[in-house]
Amino acid sequence: MKLNKSFRHAVAYGGVVLLLSFFRAIPRRAGIMVARMLALIFYRVSGFHRKNTIRHLTWAFGREKRQKEIKRIARHVFLHFATVIVDAIRIPIHIKKGIDRHITTKNLQYLDAARRSGKGYLLMTGHFGNWELMGAWIAQKGYKPHAVGAALSNPKLNKLIVKTRNAAGYINIARGNATKGVIQALKDGYPVGLLIDQDTRSKGVFVDFFGRKAHTPVGPALLAGLLEVPIIPVAMHLKKDLTYEIQSFPPLWYMDTGDRVKDTITLTRKCSDACEQMIREHPEQWVWMHRRWKKQPGDNIKKKYLYS
């Protein structure tokens, strides 16, 4: 069994290296065209992911959009992430040729104000737009971000991704035992990026997300209260001309009323609302195939997954 697992990991690693080499060798737009063709094929043959995407979009927009429009958005979700993968693969090329070539900005005053304060702060985003390229841009602009990410089960692939992120200029902090590293980075005055839009094993609470209860990590809210740091929502979305725009939003603060549980839930709800607003602007640019509403109130959930 161990040999089979090692063999599978080696094959997966070799395949990824081959894809990296291919999409870095050909022109960007040619790579996007190839990736989108593959995405359309995947959309057709992968019933599980297609059905999950349409189901979740229907849960979120069923009262606002017709089924025909929801299916159109679902198809464009796959096309969008084909483009995102190509640009994520090409991050070293984007940096070498100038990170601003395909990126514009909007309302960065909130991000700049946090940097000028000289104190640490939290950058909150989701699996939206192109979060990997956004992290590289922020790093290249001298913000010196740290980012929390889940380690992959394939050690070679995980090492490759961490190496790529570090080469882009931001420090990867592995999820699981990240608390110490995150606190130290914030105390040292660095920004720390956190993604809160997935149903994970992190301790969390149930707050509304597109009108449904979603288990949402409380880590950012707890850190904001403990260290008195702001949470700055940031997002990067893909535009029709295949360029990107990065935007920052007003900071979210922990408001201490003396009730820690209530205050943590309140800030977590605000974070979730900020993520929802980002997604509503460009619904085709979020990972709707993810089972965001997997855990529900009343489920037999282990205590360690709930905050109280």
C-alpha atoms as a PDB file:
ATOM      1  CA  MET A   1       0.000   0.000   0.000  1.00  0.00           C
ATOM      2  CA  LYS A   2       2.830   2.413   0.879  1.00  0.00           C
ATOM      3  CA  LEU A   3       4.543   1.668  -2.411  1.00  0.00           C
ATOM      4  CA  ASN A   4       1.322   2.309  -4.334  1.00  0.00           C
ATOM      5  CA  LYS A   5       0.803   5.599  -2.527  1.00  0.00           C
ATOM      6  CA  SER A   6       4.375   6.691  -3.215  1.00  0.00           C
ATOM      7  CA  PHE A   7       3.972   5.733  -6.857  1.00  0.00           C
ATOM      8  CA  ARG A   8       0.739   7.735  -7.171  1.00  0.00           C
ATOM      9  CA  HIS A   9       2.407  10.742  -5.585  1.00  0.00           C
ATOM     10  CA  ALA A  10       5.355  10.456  -7.962  1.00  0.00           C
ATOM     11  CA  VAL A  11       3.060  10.248 -10.995  1.00  0.00           C
ATOM     12  CA  ALA A  12       1.017  13.234  -9.805  1.00  0.00           C
ATOM     13  CA  TYR A  13       4.166  15.247  -9.182  1.00  0.00           C
ATOM     14  CA  GLY A  14       5.530  14.393 -12.625  1.00  0.00           C
ATOM     15  CA  GLY A  15       2.242  15.368 -14.254  1.00  0.00           C
ATOM     16  CA  VAL A  16       2.166  18.727 -12.471  1.00  0.00           C
ATOM     17  CA  VAL A  17       5.771  19.488 -13.423  1.00  0.00           C
ATOM     18  CA  LEU A  18       4.901  18.675 -17.041  1.00  0.00           C
ATOM     19  CA  LEU A  19       1.897  21.025 -16.959  1.00  0.00           C
ATOM     20  CA  LEU A  20       3.981  23.778 -15.388  1.00  0.00           C
ATOM     21  CA  SER A  21       6.574  23.440 -18.132  1.00  0.00           C
ATOM     22  CA  PHE A  22       3.940  23.424 -20.890  1.00  0.00           C
ATOM     23  CA  PHE A  23       1.943  26.470 -19.752  1.00  0.00           C
ATOM     24  CA  ARG A  24       5.101  28.454 -19.039  1.00  0.00           C
ATOM     25  CA  ALA A  25       6.563  27.646 -22.455  1.00  0.00           C
ATOM     26  CA  ILE A  26       3.661  28.816 -24.636  1.00  0.00           C
ATOM     27  CA  PRO A  27       2.191  32.350 -24.851  1.00  0.00           C
ATOM     28  CA  ARG A  28      -0.291  33.297 -22.123  1.00  0.00           C
ATOM     29  CA  ARG A  29      -3.371  33.655 -24.363  1.00  0.00           C
ATOM     30  CA  ALA A  30      -2.603  30.383 -26.146  1.00  0.00           C
ATOM     31  CA  GLY A  31      -2.338  28.695 -22.746  1.00  0.00           C
ATOM     32  CA  ILE A  32      -5.653  30.189 -21.645  1.00  0.00           C
ATOM     33  CA  MET A  33      -7.306  28.941 -24.841  1.00  0.00           C
ATOM     34  CA  VAL A  34      -6.002  25.403 -24.314  1.00  0.00           C
ATOM     35  CA  ALA A  35      -6.975  25.419 -20.637  1.00  0.00           C
ATOM     36  CA  ARG A  36     -10.487  26.632 -21.413  1.00  0.00           C
ATOM     37  CA  MET A  37     -10.992  23.919 -23.995  1.00  0.00           C
ATOM     38  CA  LEU A  38      -9.961  21.340 -21.399  1.00  0.00           C
ATOM     39  CA  ALA A  39     -12.254  23.007 -18.842  1.00  0.00           C
ATOM     40  CA  LEU A  40     -15.267  22.677 -21.154  1.00  0.00           C
ATOM     41  CA  ILE A  41     -14.511  18.993 -21.631  1.00  0.00           C
ATOM     42  CA  PHE A  42     -14.157  18.557 -17.864  1.00  0.00           C
ATOM     43  CA  TYR A  43     -17.444  20.391 -17.335  1.00  0.00           C
ATOM     44  CA  ARG A  44     -19.194  17.906 -19.606  1.00  0.00           C
ATOM     45  CA  VAL A  45     -17.643  14.688 -18.298  1.00  0.00           C
ATOM     46  CA  SER A  46     -17.380  15.498 -14.583  1.00  0.00           C
ATOM     47  CA  GLY A  47     -20.967  15.045 -13.496  1.00  0.00           C
ATOM     48  CA  PHE A  48     -20.143  15.283  -9.791  1.00  0.00           C
ATOM     49  CA  HIS A  49     -18.466  18.700  -9.975  1.00  0.00           C
ATOM     50  CA  ARG A  50     -20.922  20.065 -12.545  1.00  0.00           C
ATOM     51  CA  LYS A  51     -23.948  19.013 -10.505  1.00  0.00           C
ATOM     52  CA  ASN A  52     -22.468  20.376  -7.284  1.00  0.00           C
ATOM     53  CA  THR A  53     -21.748  23.699  -8.978  1.00  0.00           C
ATOM     54  CA  ILE A  54     -25.284  24.031 -10.368  1.00  0.00           C
ATOM     55  CA  ARG A  55     -26.840  22.854  -7.077  1.00  0.00           C
ATOM     56  CA  HIS A  56     -24.913  25.373  -4.983  1.00  0.00           C
ATOM     57  CA  LEU A  57     -25.563  28.220  -7.405  1.00  0.00           C
ATOM     58  CA  THR A  58     -29.262  27.351  -7.260  1.00  0.00           C
ATOM     59  CA  TRP A  59     -29.200  27.446  -3.459  1.00  0.00           C
ATOM     60  CA  ALA A  60     -27.580  30.892  -3.572  1.00  0.00           C
ATOM     61  CA  PHE A  61     -29.410  32.490  -6.508  1.00  0.00           C
ATOM     62  CA  GLY A  62     -32.490  30.337  -7.087  1.00  0.00           C
ATOM     63  CA  ARG A  63     -34.835  33.161  -6.082  1.00  0.00           C
ATOM     64  CA  GLU A  64     -32.949  35.754  -8.117  1.00  0.00           C
ATOM     65  CA  LYS A  65     -31.943  34.017 -11.342  1.00  0.00           C
ATOM     66  CA  ARG A  66     -33.530  31.608 -13.780  1.00  0.00           C
ATOM     67  CA  GLN A  67     -32.121  28.110 -14.159  1.00  0.00           C
ATOM     68  CA  LYS A  68     -30.798  28.947 -17.622  1.00  0.00           C
ATOM     69  CA  GLU A  69     -28.724  31.794 -16.183  1.00  0.00           C
ATOM     70  CA  ILE A  70     -27.507  29.622 -13.321  1.00  0.00           C
ATOM     71  CA  LYS A  71     -26.283  26.979 -15.782  1.00  0.00           C
ATOM     72  CA  ARG A  72     -24.534  29.679 -17.802  1.00  0.00           C
ATOM     73  CA  ILE A  73     -22.737  30.885 -14.679  1.00  0.00           C
ATOM     74  CA  ALA A  74     -21.812  27.294 -13.779  1.00  0.00           C
ATOM     75  CA  ARG A  75     -20.173  26.818 -17.169  1.00  0.00           C
ATOM     76  CA  HIS A  76     -18.255  30.065 -16.767  1.00  0.00           C
ATOM     77  CA  VAL A  77     -17.017  28.979 -13.339  1.00  0.00           C
ATOM     78  CA  PHE A  78     -15.007  26.252 -15.061  1.00  0.00           C
ATOM     79  CA  LEU A  79     -13.802  28.622 -17.782  1.00  0.00           C
ATOM     80  CA  HIS A  80     -12.759  31.156 -15.169  1.00  0.00           C
ATOM     81  CA  PHE A  81     -10.653  28.751 -13.160  1.00  0.00           C
ATOM     82  CA  ALA A  82      -8.981  27.485 -16.305  1.00  0.00           C
ATOM     83  CA  THR A  83      -7.680  31.035 -16.777  1.00  0.00           C
ATOM     84  CA  VAL A  84      -6.771  31.330 -13.095  1.00  0.00           C
ATOM     85  CA  ILE A  85      -4.722  28.122 -13.170  1.00  0.00           C
ATOM     86  CA  VAL A  86      -2.759  29.279 -16.211  1.00  0.00           C
ATOM     87  CA  ASP A  87      -1.943  32.626 -14.584  1.00  0.00           C
ATOM     88  CA  ALA A  88      -1.074  30.980 -11.272  1.00  0.00           C
ATOM     89  CA  ILE A  89       1.318  28.668 -13.109  1.00  0.00           C
ATOM     90  CA  ARG A  90       2.844  31.679 -14.858  1.00  0.00           C
ATOM     91  CA  ILE A  91       3.466  33.718 -11.677  1.00  0.00           C
ATOM     92  CA  PRO A  92       7.273  33.535 -12.089  1.00  0.00           C
ATOM     93  CA  ILE A  93       6.875  34.881 -15.645  1.00  0.00           C
ATOM     94  CA  HIS A  94       4.501  37.632 -14.501  1.00  0.00           C
ATOM     95  CA  ILE A  95       7.052  38.698 -11.895  1.00  0.00           C
ATOM     96  CA  LYS A  96       9.953  38.602 -14.345  1.00  0.00           C
ATOM     97  CA  LYS A  97       8.137  40.617 -17.022  1.00  0.00           C
ATOM     98  CA  GLY A  98       6.494  43.023 -14.582  1.00  0.00           C
ATOM     99  CA  ILE A  99       3.725  42.071 -12.175  1.00  0.00           C
ATOM    100  CA  ASP A 100       1.651  45.129 -13.176  1.00  0.00           C
ATOM    101  CA  ARG A 101       1.321  44.188 -16.850  1.00  0.00           C
ATOM    102  CA  HIS A 102      -2.031  42.482 -16.361  1.00  0.00           C
ATOM    103  CA  ILE A 103      -3.102  43.983 -13.018  1.00  0.00           C
ATOM    104  CA  THR A 104      -4.787  47.249 -12.031  1.00  0.00           C
ATOM    105  CA  THR A 105      -5.914  48.387  -8.570  1.00  0.00           C
ATOM    106  CA  LYS A 106      -8.888  50.079  -6.915  1.00  0.00           C
ATOM    107  CA  ASN A 107      -9.418  51.537  -3.422  1.00  0.00           C
ATOM    108  CA  LEU A 108      -6.057  50.422  -2.057  1.00  0.00           C
ATOM    109  CA  GLN A 109      -6.148  53.253   0.498  1.00  0.00           C
ATOM    110  CA  TYR A 110      -7.403  50.820   3.138  1.00  0.00           C
ATOM    111  CA  LEU A 111      -4.508  48.459   2.528  1.00  0.00           C
ATOM    112  CA  ASP A 112      -1.985  51.301   2.404  1.00  0.00           C
ATOM    113  CA  ALA A 113      -3.292  52.822   5.634  1.00  0.00           C
ATOM    114  CA  ALA A 114      -2.855  49.493   7.408  1.00  0.00           C
ATOM    115  CA  ARG A 115       0.727  49.244   6.141  1.00  0.00           C
ATOM    116  CA  ARG A 116       1.566  52.804   7.205  1.00  0.00           C
ATOM    117  CA  SER A 117       0.416  52.016  10.739  1.00  0.00           C
ATOM    118  CA  GLY A 118       3.474  49.803  11.169  1.00  0.00           C
ATOM    119  CA  LYS A 119       1.351  47.199  12.941  1.00  0.00           C
ATOM    120  CA  GLY A 120       0.267  43.758  11.802  1.00  0.00           C
ATOM    121  CA  TYR A 121      -3.087  43.229  10.150  1.00  0.00           C
ATOM    122  CA  LEU A 122      -5.143  40.438   8.639  1.00  0.00           C
ATOM    123  CA  LEU A 123      -5.819  40.202   4.904  1.00  0.00           C
ATOM    124  CA  MET A 124      -9.095  38.367   4.399  1.00  0.00           C
ATOM    125  CA  THR A 125     -10.119  36.918   1.072  1.00  0.00           C
ATOM    126  CA  GLY A 126     -11.607  33.763  -0.364  1.00  0.00           C
ATOM    127  CA  HIS A 127     -11.114  31.235  -3.138  1.00  0.00           C
ATOM    128  CA  PHE A 128     -12.209  33.937  -5.520  1.00  0.00           C
ATOM    129  CA  GLY A 129     -10.694  35.496  -8.623  1.00  0.00           C
ATOM    130  CA  ASN A 130      -7.008  34.633  -8.566  1.00  0.00           C
ATOM    131  CA  TRP A 131      -5.923  34.621  -4.930  1.00  0.00           C
ATOM    132  CA  GLU A 132      -2.463  33.136  -5.684  1.00  0.00           C
ATOM    133  CA  LEU A 133      -1.593  35.872  -8.193  1.00  0.00           C
ATOM    134  CA  MET A 134      -2.979  38.483  -5.794  1.00  0.00           C
ATOM    135  CA  GLY A 135      -0.684  37.188  -3.071  1.00  0.00           C
ATOM    136  CA  ALA A 136       2.283  37.444  -5.428  1.00  0.00           C
ATOM    137  CA  TRP A 137       1.332  41.027  -6.378  1.00  0.00           C
ATOM    138  CA  ILE A 138       0.987  42.076  -2.734  1.00  0.00           C
ATOM    139  CA  ALA A 139       4.359  40.517  -1.955  1.00  0.00           C
ATOM    140  CA  GLN A 140       6.070  42.162  -4.916  1.00  0.00           C
ATOM    141  CA  LYS A 141       4.764  45.549  -3.774  1.00  0.00           C
ATOM    142  CA  GLY A 142       6.633  45.231  -0.498  1.00  0.00           C
ATOM    143  CA  TYR A 143       3.783  44.393   1.880  1.00  0.00           C
ATOM    144  CA  LYS A 144       5.700  41.280   3.031  1.00  0.00           C
ATOM    145  CA  PRO A 145       2.622  39.088   3.537  1.00  0.00           C
ATOM    146  CA  HIS A 146       2.430  35.736   5.281  1.00  0.00           C
ATOM    147  CA  ALA A 147      -0.267  33.317   4.132  1.00  0.00           C
ATOM    148  CA  VAL A 148      -1.922  30.354   5.835  1.00  0.00           C
ATOM    149  CA  GLY A 149      -2.475  27.376   3.548  1.00  0.00           C
ATOM    150  CA  ALA A 150      -3.386  23.720   4.010  1.00  0.00           C
ATOM    151  CA  ALA A 151      -0.544  21.297   3.359  1.00  0.00           C
ATOM    152  CA  LEU A 152      -1.097  18.801   0.542  1.00  0.00           C
ATOM    153  CA  SER A 153      -0.965  15.076   1.227  1.00  0.00           C
ATOM    154  CA  ASN A 154       1.612  14.738  -1.564  1.00  0.00           C
ATOM    155  CA  PRO A 155       4.861  15.940   0.054  1.00  0.00           C
ATOM    156  CA  LYS A 156       6.634  16.643  -3.247  1.00  0.00           C
ATOM    157  CA  LEU A 157       3.750  18.731  -4.567  1.00  0.00           C
ATOM    158  CA  ASN A 158       3.427  20.524  -1.244  1.00  0.00           C
ATOM    159  CA  LYS A 159       7.134  21.376  -1.264  1.00  0.00           C
ATOM    160  CA  LEU A 160       6.829  22.649  -4.843  1.00  0.00           C
ATOM    161  CA  ILE A 161       3.889  24.934  -4.005  1.00  0.00           C
ATOM    162  CA  VAL A 162       5.525  26.309  -0.853  1.00  0.00           C
ATOM    163  CA  LYS A 163       8.740  26.953  -2.787  1.00  0.00           C
ATOM    164  CA  THR A 164       6.794  28.784  -5.510  1.00  0.00           C
ATOM    165  CA  ARG A 165       4.967  30.937  -2.973  1.00  0.00           C
ATOM    166  CA  ASN A 166       8.156  31.814  -1.125  1.00  0.00           C
ATOM    167  CA  ALA A 167       9.886  32.646  -4.408  1.00  0.00           C
ATOM    168  CA  ALA A 168       7.015  35.048  -5.191  1.00  0.00           C
ATOM    169  CA  GLY A 169       7.814  36.867  -1.951  1.00  0.00           C
ATOM    170  CA  TYR A 170       5.272  35.749   0.603  1.00  0.00           C
ATOM    171  CA  ILE A 171       5.828  33.355   3.467  1.00  0.00           C
ATOM    172  CA  ASN A 172       3.716  30.212   3.614  1.00  0.00           C
ATOM    173  CA  ILE A 173       2.389  29.140   7.027  1.00  0.00           C
ATOM    174  CA  ALA A 174       1.037  25.597   7.084  1.00  0.00           C
ATOM    175  CA  ARG A 175      -2.523  25.252   8.388  1.00  0.00           C
ATOM    176  CA  GLY A 176      -2.936  23.015  11.405  1.00  0.00           C
ATOM    177  CA  ASN A 177      -0.201  24.399  13.638  1.00  0.00           C
ATOM    178  CA  ALA A 178      -0.322  27.903  12.243  1.00  0.00           C
ATOM    179  CA  THR A 179      -1.440  29.832  15.333  1.00  0.00           C
ATOM    180  CA  LYS A 180       2.045  30.471  16.711  1.00  0.00           C
ATOM    181  CA  GLY A 181       3.427  31.559  13.340  1.00  0.00           C
ATOM    182  CA  VAL A 182       0.447  33.822  12.635  1.00  0.00           C
ATOM    183  CA  ILE A 183       0.631  35.549  16.023  1.00  0.00           C
ATOM    184  CA  GLN A 184       4.370  36.096  15.677  1.00  0.00           C
ATOM    185  CA  ALA A 185       3.990  37.549  12.172  1.00  0.00           C
ATOM    186  CA  LEU A 186       1.276  39.958  13.368  1.00  0.00           C
ATOM    187  CA  LYS A 187       3.334  41.020  16.389  1.00  0.00           C
ATOM    188  CA  ASP A 188       6.275  41.662  14.058  1.00  0.00           C
ATOM    189  CA  GLY A 189       4.090  44.009  12.004  1.00  0.00           C
ATOM    190  CA  TYR A 190       3.437  41.794   8.982  1.00  0.00           C
ATOM    191  CA  PRO A 191       0.112  41.183   7.226  1.00  0.00           C
ATOM    192  CA  VAL A 192      -1.264  37.644   7.341  1.00  0.00           C
ATOM    193  CA  GLY A 193      -3.573  36.350   4.614  1.00  0.00           C
ATOM    194  CA  LEU A 194      -6.476  34.092   5.595  1.00  0.00           C
ATOM    195  CA  LEU A 195      -9.157  32.455   3.444  1.00  0.00           C
ATOM    196  CA  ILE A 196     -12.406  31.874   5.342  1.00  0.00           C
ATOM    197  CA  ASP A 197     -14.838  30.754   2.642  1.00  0.00           C
ATOM    198  CA  GLN A 198     -14.603  26.972   2.916  1.00  0.00           C
ATOM    199  CA  ASP A 199     -16.075  24.337   5.202  1.00  0.00           C
ATOM    200  CA  THR A 200     -12.927  23.047   6.926  1.00  0.00           C
ATOM    201  CA  ARG A 201     -12.001  21.353  10.188  1.00  0.00           C
ATOM    202  CA  SER A 202     -11.085  24.692  11.738  1.00  0.00           C
ATOM    203  CA  LYS A 203     -13.060  25.728  14.802  1.00  0.00           C
ATOM    204  CA  GLY A 204     -15.970  27.860  13.685  1.00  0.00           C
ATOM    205  CA  VAL A 205     -19.549  29.018  14.060  1.00  0.00           C
ATOM    206  CA  PHE A 206     -22.608  28.924  11.808  1.00  0.00           C
ATOM    207  CA  VAL A 207     -23.383  32.244  10.122  1.00  0.00           C
ATOM    208  CA  ASP A 208     -25.431  33.118   7.060  1.00  0.00           C
ATOM    209  CA  PHE A 209     -23.770  32.776   3.672  1.00  0.00           C
ATOM    210  CA  PHE A 210     -26.106  33.409   0.722  1.00  0.00           C
ATOM    211  CA  GLY A 211     -29.064  32.836   3.035  1.00  0.00           C
ATOM    212  CA  ARG A 212     -27.881  29.462   4.346  1.00  0.00           C
ATOM    213  CA  LYS A 213     -26.034  28.602   7.522  1.00  0.00           C
ATOM    214  CA  ALA A 214     -22.374  27.904   6.783  1.00  0.00           C
ATOM    215  CA  HIS A 215     -19.704  26.712   9.210  1.00  0.00           C
ATOM    216  CA  THR A 216     -17.202  29.587   9.170  1.00  0.00           C
ATOM    217  CA  PRO A 217     -13.764  29.768  10.870  1.00  0.00           C
ATOM    218  CA  VAL A 218     -13.552  32.074  13.885  1.00  0.00           C
ATOM    219  CA  GLY A 219      -9.750  32.307  13.762  1.00  0.00           C
ATOM    220  CA  PRO A 220      -9.608  35.770  12.127  1.00  0.00           C
ATOM    221  CA  ALA A 221     -12.113  37.246  14.598  1.00  0.00           C
ATOM    222  CA  LEU A 222     -10.297  35.741  17.586  1.00  0.00           C
ATOM    223  CA  LEU A 223      -6.949  37.077  16.382  1.00  0.00           C
ATOM    224  CA  ALA A 224      -8.433  40.511  15.699  1.00  0.00           C
ATOM    225  CA  GLY A 225      -9.765  40.633  19.258  1.00  0.00           C
ATOM    226  CA  LEU A 226      -6.675  39.202  20.933  1.00  0.00           C
ATOM    227  CA  LEU A 227      -4.120  41.401  19.170  1.00  0.00           C
ATOM    228  CA  GLU A 228      -6.325  44.414  18.368  1.00  0.00           C
ATOM    229  CA  VAL A 229      -5.576  44.262  14.642  1.00  0.00           C
ATOM    230  CA  PRO A 230      -7.912  45.091  11.753  1.00  0.00           C
ATOM    231  CA  ILE A 231      -9.195  42.668   9.156  1.00  0.00           C
ATOM    232  CA  ILE A 232      -8.797  44.133   5.653  1.00  0.00           C
ATOM    233  CA  PRO A 233     -10.960  42.379   3.029  1.00  0.00           C
ATOM    234  CA  VAL A 234      -9.159  42.154  -0.321  1.00  0.00           C
ATOM    235  CA  ALA A 235     -10.124  40.604  -3.638  1.00  0.00           C
ATOM    236  CA  MET A 236      -8.815  40.202  -7.157  1.00  0.00           C
ATOM    237  CA  HIS A 237     -11.242  39.615 -10.004  1.00  0.00           C
ATOM    238  CA  LEU A 238     -10.681  38.777 -13.652  1.00  0.00           C
ATOM    239  CA  LYS A 239     -11.986  41.312 -16.182  1.00  0.00           C
ATOM    240  CA  LYS A 240     -13.364  40.590 -19.645  1.00  0.00           C
ATOM    241  CA  ASP A 241     -10.107  41.685 -21.300  1.00  0.00           C
ATOM    242  CA  LEU A 242      -8.244  38.969 -19.328  1.00  0.00           C
ATOM    243  CA  THR A 243      -6.599  41.457 -16.991  1.00  0.00           C
ATOM    244  CA  TYR A 244      -7.167  41.574 -13.246  1.00  0.00           C
ATOM    245  CA  GLU A 245      -8.220  44.221 -10.744  1.00  0.00           C
ATOM    246  CA  ILE A 246      -7.245  44.147  -7.067  1.00  0.00           C
ATOM    247  CA  GLN A 247      -9.465  45.952  -4.593  1.00  0.00           C
ATOM    248  CA  SER A 248      -9.339  46.509  -0.844  1.00  0.00           C
ATOM    249  CA  PHE A 249     -12.346  47.271   1.356  1.00  0.00           C
ATOM    250  CA  PRO A 250     -12.905  49.151   4.649  1.00  0.00           C
ATOM    251  CA  PRO A 251     -11.335  47.408   7.649  1.00  0.00           C
ATOM    252  CA  LEU A 252     -13.375  45.233   9.977  1.00  0.00           C
ATOM    253  CA  TRP A 253     -12.627  45.590  13.697  1.00  0.00           C
ATOM    254  CA  TYR A 254     -13.373  43.488  16.743  1.00  0.00           C
ATOM    255  CA  MET A 255     -15.816  45.468  18.902  1.00  0.00           C
ATOM    256  CA  ASP A 256     -15.426  44.454  22.552  1.00  0.00           C
ATOM    257  CA  THR A 257     -18.738  44.558  24.420  1.00  0.00           C
ATOM    258  CA  GLY A 258     -17.570  42.237  27.175  1.00  0.00           C
ATOM    259  CA  ASP A 259     -19.218  39.163  25.657  1.00  0.00           C
ATOM    260  CA  ARG A 260     -16.377  37.362  23.863  1.00  0.00           C
ATOM    261  CA  VAL A 261     -18.539  34.702  22.214  1.00  0.00           C
ATOM    262  CA  LYS A 262     -21.082  37.208  20.920  1.00  0.00           C
ATOM    263  CA  ASP A 263     -18.382  39.628  19.726  1.00  0.00           C
ATOM    264  CA  THR A 264     -16.488  36.854  17.928  1.00  0.00           C
ATOM    265  CA  ILE A 265     -19.642  35.662  16.156  1.00  0.00           C
ATOM    266  CA  THR A 266     -20.527  39.240  15.174  1.00  0.00           C
ATOM    267  CA  LEU A 267     -17.151  39.850  13.538  1.00  0.00           C
ATOM    268  CA  THR A 268     -17.188  36.415  11.874  1.00  0.00           C
ATOM    269  CA  ARG A 269     -20.590  37.274  10.395  1.00  0.00           C
ATOM    270  CA  LYS A 270     -19.206  40.548   9.049  1.00  0.00           C
ATOM    271  CA  CYS A 271     -16.306  38.666   7.443  1.00  0.00           C
ATOM    272  CA  SER A 272     -18.713  36.218   5.828  1.00  0.00           C
ATOM    273  CA  ASP A 273     -20.864  39.078   4.555  1.00  0.00           C
ATOM    274  CA  ALA A 274     -17.782  40.735   3.027  1.00  0.00           C
ATOM    275  CA  CYS A 275     -16.911  37.506   1.213  1.00  0.00           C
ATOM    276  CA  GLU A 276     -20.465  37.143  -0.049  1.00  0.00           C
ATOM    277  CA  GLN A 277     -20.424  40.674  -1.397  1.00  0.00           C
ATOM    278  CA  MET A 278     -17.198  39.983  -3.336  1.00  0.00           C
ATOM    279  CA  ILE A 279     -18.760  36.888  -4.869  1.00  0.00           C
ATOM    280  CA  ARG A 280     -22.061  38.582  -5.754  1.00  0.00           C
ATOM    281  CA  GLU A 281     -20.161  41.092  -7.893  1.00  0.00           C
ATOM    282  CA  HIS A 282     -18.665  38.291 -10.016  1.00  0.00           C
ATOM    283  CA  PRO A 283     -20.443  35.012  -9.179  1.00  0.00           C
ATOM    284  CA  GLU A 284     -18.633  33.022 -11.901  1.00  0.00           C
ATOM    285  CA  GLN A 285     -15.329  33.588 -10.095  1.00  0.00           C
ATOM    286  CA  TRP A 286     -15.923  31.542  -6.925  1.00  0.00           C
ATOM    287  CA  VAL A 287     -15.443  27.797  -6.304  1.00  0.00           C
ATOM    288  CA  TRP A 288     -19.094  26.762  -6.375  1.00  0.00           C
ATOM    289  CA  MET A 289     -18.114  23.100  -6.704  1.00  0.00           C
ATOM    290  CA  HIS A 290     -16.923  23.231  -3.078  1.00  0.00           C
ATOM    291  CA  ARG A 291     -19.394  21.855  -0.508  1.00  0.00           C
ATOM    292  CA  ARG A 292     -19.601  25.106   1.446  1.00  0.00           C
ATOM    293  CA  TRP A 293     -22.741  24.100   3.351  1.00  0.00           C
ATOM    294  CA  LYS A 294     -21.617  20.553   4.176  1.00  0.00           C
ATOM    295  CA  LYS A 295     -21.906  20.926   7.969  1.00  0.00           C
ATOM    296  CA  GLN A 296     -25.205  22.213   9.297  1.00  0.00           C
ATOM    297  CA  PRO A 297     -26.562  23.144  12.746  1.00  0.00           C
ATOM    298  CA  GLY A 298     -27.905  20.053  14.420  1.00  0.00           C
ATOM    299  CA  ASP A 299     -25.453  17.705  12.708  1.00  0.00           C
ATOM    300  CA  ASN A 300     -23.436  15.354  14.879  1.00  0.00           C
ATOM    301  CA  ILE A 301     -20.366  17.587  14.824  1.00  0.00           C
ATOM    302  CA  LYS A 302     -17.431  17.017  17.116  1.00  0.00           C
ATOM    303  CA  LYS A 303     -17.034  19.750  19.745  1.00  0.00           C
ATOM    304  CA  LYS A 304     -13.566  20.670  18.469  1.00  0.00           C
ATOM    305  CA  TYR A 305     -15.140  22.015  15.239  1.00  0.00           C
ATOM    306  CA  LEU A 306     -17.464  24.431  17.076  1.00  0.00           C
ATOM    307  CA  TYR A 307     -16.620  27.619  18.911  1.00  0.00           C
ATOM    308  CA  SER A 308     -18.279  28.473  22.214  1.00  0.00           C
END
